[in-house]
Amino acid sequence: MVKHVEEYGADAVDAARKRTRGRRDRVPGPSSDPETNLIMADVAMRAGTTILRSAVEKGFLKGRYGSETASEIVSNRSVKKTLTSFALAKLATRSLPGAVLVSGGMLAKTLFDKGRARRARLRGDRRLREQAKND
């Protein structure tokens, strides 16, 4: 008899439960439904990641632009820039070739900007100040 992919996963969960010490009738977490606990954990992780990402982004900008302007820059970021960073992060975390491609691109951009440091800094300042003004 051929098993479906889901059955292999169910068999793995059953085997892990049998190896687990302690009471298997109790579900750890705030709810007695393990699926609900999984959803709660996912929401908590995503919320924490969002808060951490915002703090890191503002931290990079605070030293040069001040706290208030940094907050405005982060909150006024366009959908295009947000989706681009999301897509690059997904690509980088999905596979080793994706990580190499994204990190190589970031390194190339950094070296390019270093070669044109003064112009890049002025252009970046102008764009971020415009972004901070847009409400």
C-alpha atoms as a PDB file:
ATOM      1  CA  MET A   1       0.000   0.000   0.000  1.00  0.00           C
ATOM      2  CA  VAL A   2       1.359   3.432  -0.981  1.00  0.00           C
ATOM      3  CA  LYS A   3       1.281   6.187   1.642  1.00  0.00           C
ATOM      4  CA  HIS A   4       0.418   9.802   0.985  1.00  0.00           C
ATOM      5  CA  VAL A   5       2.894  12.468   2.028  1.00  0.00           C
ATOM      6  CA  GLU A   6       0.604  13.503   4.894  1.00  0.00           C
ATOM      7  CA  GLU A   7       0.714   9.976   6.309  1.00  0.00           C
ATOM      8  CA  TYR A   8       4.502  10.100   6.542  1.00  0.00           C
ATOM      9  CA  GLY A   9       4.201  13.300   8.564  1.00  0.00           C
ATOM     10  CA  ALA A  10       1.543  11.775  10.801  1.00  0.00           C
ATOM     11  CA  ASP A  11       3.723   8.702  11.346  1.00  0.00           C
ATOM     12  CA  ALA A  12       6.663  10.944  12.286  1.00  0.00           C
ATOM     13  CA  VAL A  13       4.518  12.861  14.790  1.00  0.00           C
ATOM     14  CA  ASP A  14       3.239   9.599  16.319  1.00  0.00           C
ATOM     15  CA  ALA A  15       6.789   8.254  16.634  1.00  0.00           C
ATOM     16  CA  ALA A  16       7.970  11.486  18.264  1.00  0.00           C
ATOM     17  CA  ARG A  17       5.057  11.415  20.705  1.00  0.00           C
ATOM     18  CA  LYS A  18       5.893   7.845  21.707  1.00  0.00           C
ATOM     19  CA  ARG A  19       9.507   8.838  22.420  1.00  0.00           C
ATOM     20  CA  THR A  20       8.439  11.878  24.452  1.00  0.00           C
ATOM     21  CA  ARG A  21       8.549  11.517  28.184  1.00  0.00           C
ATOM     22  CA  GLY A  22       5.785  12.769  30.393  1.00  0.00           C
ATOM     23  CA  ARG A  23       2.057  12.944  29.926  1.00  0.00           C
ATOM     24  CA  ARG A  24       1.006  12.811  26.295  1.00  0.00           C
ATOM     25  CA  ASP A  25      -2.628  13.563  27.083  1.00  0.00           C
ATOM     26  CA  ARG A  26      -1.812  17.164  28.074  1.00  0.00           C
ATOM     27  CA  VAL A  27      -1.262  19.739  25.302  1.00  0.00           C
ATOM     28  CA  PRO A  28       1.374  22.356  26.195  1.00  0.00           C
ATOM     29  CA  GLY A  29       0.340  25.946  25.621  1.00  0.00           C
ATOM     30  CA  PRO A  30      -2.517  28.254  26.586  1.00  0.00           C
ATOM     31  CA  SER A  31      -5.165  26.313  24.639  1.00  0.00           C
ATOM     32  CA  SER A  32      -6.063  22.654  24.761  1.00  0.00           C
ATOM     33  CA  ASP A  33      -6.123  22.633  20.949  1.00  0.00           C
ATOM     34  CA  PRO A  34      -2.597  22.198  19.530  1.00  0.00           C
ATOM     35  CA  GLU A  35      -3.561  23.881  16.245  1.00  0.00           C
ATOM     36  CA  THR A  36      -4.707  26.990  18.127  1.00  0.00           C
ATOM     37  CA  ASN A  37      -1.405  27.018  20.035  1.00  0.00           C
ATOM     38  CA  LEU A  38       0.500  26.809  16.758  1.00  0.00           C
ATOM     39  CA  ILE A  39      -1.438  29.776  15.333  1.00  0.00           C
ATOM     40  CA  MET A  40      -0.834  31.773  18.526  1.00  0.00           C
ATOM     41  CA  ALA A  41       2.897  31.019  18.366  1.00  0.00           C
ATOM     42  CA  ASP A  42       3.011  32.058  14.698  1.00  0.00           C
ATOM     43  CA  VAL A  43       1.239  35.362  15.404  1.00  0.00           C
ATOM     44  CA  ALA A  44       3.543  36.088  18.354  1.00  0.00           C
ATOM     45  CA  MET A  45       6.664  35.339  16.289  1.00  0.00           C
ATOM     46  CA  ARG A  46       5.505  37.506  13.381  1.00  0.00           C
ATOM     47  CA  ALA A  47       4.561  40.406  15.675  1.00  0.00           C
ATOM     48  CA  GLY A  48       7.914  40.174  17.442  1.00  0.00           C
ATOM     49  CA  THR A  49       9.756  40.099  14.140  1.00  0.00           C
ATOM     50  CA  THR A  50       7.880  43.162  12.908  1.00  0.00           C
ATOM     51  CA  ILE A  51       8.687  45.112  16.067  1.00  0.00           C
ATOM     52  CA  LEU A  52      12.344  44.070  15.938  1.00  0.00           C
ATOM     53  CA  ARG A  53      12.638  44.951  12.238  1.00  0.00           C
ATOM     54  CA  SER A  54      11.165  48.408  12.848  1.00  0.00           C
ATOM     55  CA  ALA A  55      13.549  49.022  15.755  1.00  0.00           C
ATOM     56  CA  VAL A  56      16.585  47.962  13.700  1.00  0.00           C
ATOM     57  CA  GLU A  57      15.542  50.121  10.719  1.00  0.00           C
ATOM     58  CA  LYS A  58      15.063  53.162  12.949  1.00  0.00           C
ATOM     59  CA  GLY A  59      18.351  52.411  14.717  1.00  0.00           C
ATOM     60  CA  PHE A  60      20.261  52.568  11.424  1.00  0.00           C
ATOM     61  CA  LEU A  61      18.741  55.972  10.646  1.00  0.00           C
ATOM     62  CA  LYS A  62      18.672  57.639  14.093  1.00  0.00           C
ATOM     63  CA  GLY A  63      22.340  58.593  14.241  1.00  0.00           C
ATOM     64  CA  ARG A  64      22.189  60.618  11.049  1.00  0.00           C
ATOM     65  CA  TYR A  65      18.604  61.891  10.948  1.00  0.00           C
ATOM     66  CA  GLY A  66      17.380  61.938  14.538  1.00  0.00           C
ATOM     67  CA  SER A  67      14.691  59.864  16.191  1.00  0.00           C
ATOM     68  CA  GLU A  68      11.615  61.663  14.862  1.00  0.00           C
ATOM     69  CA  THR A  69      12.809  61.826  11.250  1.00  0.00           C
ATOM     70  CA  ALA A  70      13.910  58.164  11.379  1.00  0.00           C
ATOM     71  CA  SER A  71      10.401  57.156  12.503  1.00  0.00           C
ATOM     72  CA  GLU A  72       8.859  59.179   9.674  1.00  0.00           C
ATOM     73  CA  ILE A  73      11.204  57.632   7.099  1.00  0.00           C
ATOM     74  CA  VAL A  74      10.348  54.095   8.210  1.00  0.00           C
ATOM     75  CA  SER A  75       6.604  54.731   8.384  1.00  0.00           C
ATOM     76  CA  ASN A  76       6.477  56.468   4.976  1.00  0.00           C
ATOM     77  CA  ARG A  77       8.272  53.741   3.047  1.00  0.00           C
ATOM     78  CA  SER A  78       6.542  52.935  -0.224  1.00  0.00           C
ATOM     79  CA  VAL A  79       4.819  49.626  -0.957  1.00  0.00           C
ATOM     80  CA  LYS A  80       7.340  49.003  -3.742  1.00  0.00           C
ATOM     81  CA  LYS A  81      10.290  49.271  -1.345  1.00  0.00           C
ATOM     82  CA  THR A  82       8.551  47.123   1.259  1.00  0.00           C
ATOM     83  CA  LEU A  83       7.709  44.377  -1.250  1.00  0.00           C
ATOM     84  CA  THR A  84      11.223  44.471  -2.695  1.00  0.00           C
ATOM     85  CA  SER A  85      12.833  43.968   0.711  1.00  0.00           C
ATOM     86  CA  PHE A  86      10.323  41.218   1.535  1.00  0.00           C
ATOM     87  CA  ALA A  87      11.008  39.415  -1.749  1.00  0.00           C
ATOM     88  CA  LEU A  88      14.784  39.649  -1.323  1.00  0.00           C
ATOM     89  CA  ALA A  89      14.551  38.361   2.248  1.00  0.00           C
ATOM     90  CA  LYS A  90      12.387  35.429   1.113  1.00  0.00           C
ATOM     91  CA  LEU A  91      14.790  34.617  -1.710  1.00  0.00           C
ATOM     92  CA  ALA A  92      17.762  34.766   0.659  1.00  0.00           C
ATOM     93  CA  THR A  93      16.166  32.492   3.266  1.00  0.00           C
ATOM     94  CA  ARG A  94      14.721  29.864   0.910  1.00  0.00           C
ATOM     95  CA  SER A  95      17.946  28.448  -0.516  1.00  0.00           C
ATOM     96  CA  LEU A  96      21.704  28.684  -0.427  1.00  0.00           C
ATOM     97  CA  PRO A  97      21.920  29.943  -4.036  1.00  0.00           C
ATOM     98  CA  GLY A  98      19.329  32.609  -3.174  1.00  0.00           C
ATOM     99  CA  ALA A  99      21.349  33.670  -0.133  1.00  0.00           C
ATOM    100  CA  VAL A 100      24.518  33.860  -2.233  1.00  0.00           C
ATOM    101  CA  LEU A 101      22.730  35.853  -4.943  1.00  0.00           C
ATOM    102  CA  VAL A 102      21.181  38.357  -2.531  1.00  0.00           C
ATOM    103  CA  SER A 103      24.306  38.794  -0.393  1.00  0.00           C
ATOM    104  CA  GLY A 104      26.430  39.141  -3.538  1.00  0.00           C
ATOM    105  CA  GLY A 105      24.067  41.808  -4.841  1.00  0.00           C
ATOM    106  CA  MET A 106      24.214  43.687  -1.544  1.00  0.00           C
ATOM    107  CA  LEU A 107      28.013  43.495  -1.544  1.00  0.00           C
ATOM    108  CA  ALA A 108      28.153  44.785  -5.139  1.00  0.00           C
ATOM    109  CA  LYS A 109      25.798  47.663  -4.282  1.00  0.00           C
ATOM    110  CA  THR A 110      27.854  48.542  -1.203  1.00  0.00           C
ATOM    111  CA  LEU A 111      31.090  48.595  -3.205  1.00  0.00           C
ATOM    112  CA  PHE A 112      29.406  50.648  -5.934  1.00  0.00           C
ATOM    113  CA  ASP A 113      28.179  53.158  -3.342  1.00  0.00           C
ATOM    114  CA  LYS A 114      31.616  53.326  -1.699  1.00  0.00           C
ATOM    115  CA  GLY A 115      33.090  54.262  -5.058  1.00  0.00           C
ATOM    116  CA  ARG A 116      30.579  57.073  -5.383  1.00  0.00           C
ATOM    117  CA  ALA A 117      30.322  57.850  -1.680  1.00  0.00           C
ATOM    118  CA  ARG A 118      29.708  61.577  -1.798  1.00  0.00           C
ATOM    119  CA  ARG A 119      27.094  61.446  -4.575  1.00  0.00           C
ATOM    120  CA  ALA A 120      25.390  58.384  -3.070  1.00  0.00           C
ATOM    121  CA  ARG A 121      25.229  59.987   0.381  1.00  0.00           C
ATOM    122  CA  LEU A 122      23.731  63.202  -0.978  1.00  0.00           C
ATOM    123  CA  ARG A 123      21.234  61.330  -3.180  1.00  0.00           C
ATOM    124  CA  GLY A 124      20.266  59.052  -0.285  1.00  0.00           C
ATOM    125  CA  ASP A 125      19.848  62.011   2.071  1.00  0.00           C
ATOM    126  CA  ARG A 126      17.631  63.810  -0.436  1.00  0.00           C
ATOM    127  CA  ARG A 127      15.433  60.744  -1.019  1.00  0.00           C
ATOM    128  CA  LEU A 128      15.035  59.945   2.675  1.00  0.00           C
ATOM    129  CA  ARG A 129      14.191  63.539   3.576  1.00  0.00           C
ATOM    130  CA  GLU A 130      11.546  63.555   0.834  1.00  0.00           C
ATOM    131  CA  GLN A 131      10.198  60.284   2.179  1.00  0.00           C
ATOM    132  CA  ALA A 132      10.026  61.737   5.693  1.00  0.00           C
ATOM    133  CA  LYS A 133       8.012  64.717   4.423  1.00  0.00           C
ATOM    134  CA  ASN A 134       5.395  62.538   2.693  1.00  0.00           C
ATOM    135  CA  ASP A 135       2.536  61.918   5.119  1.00  0.00           C
END
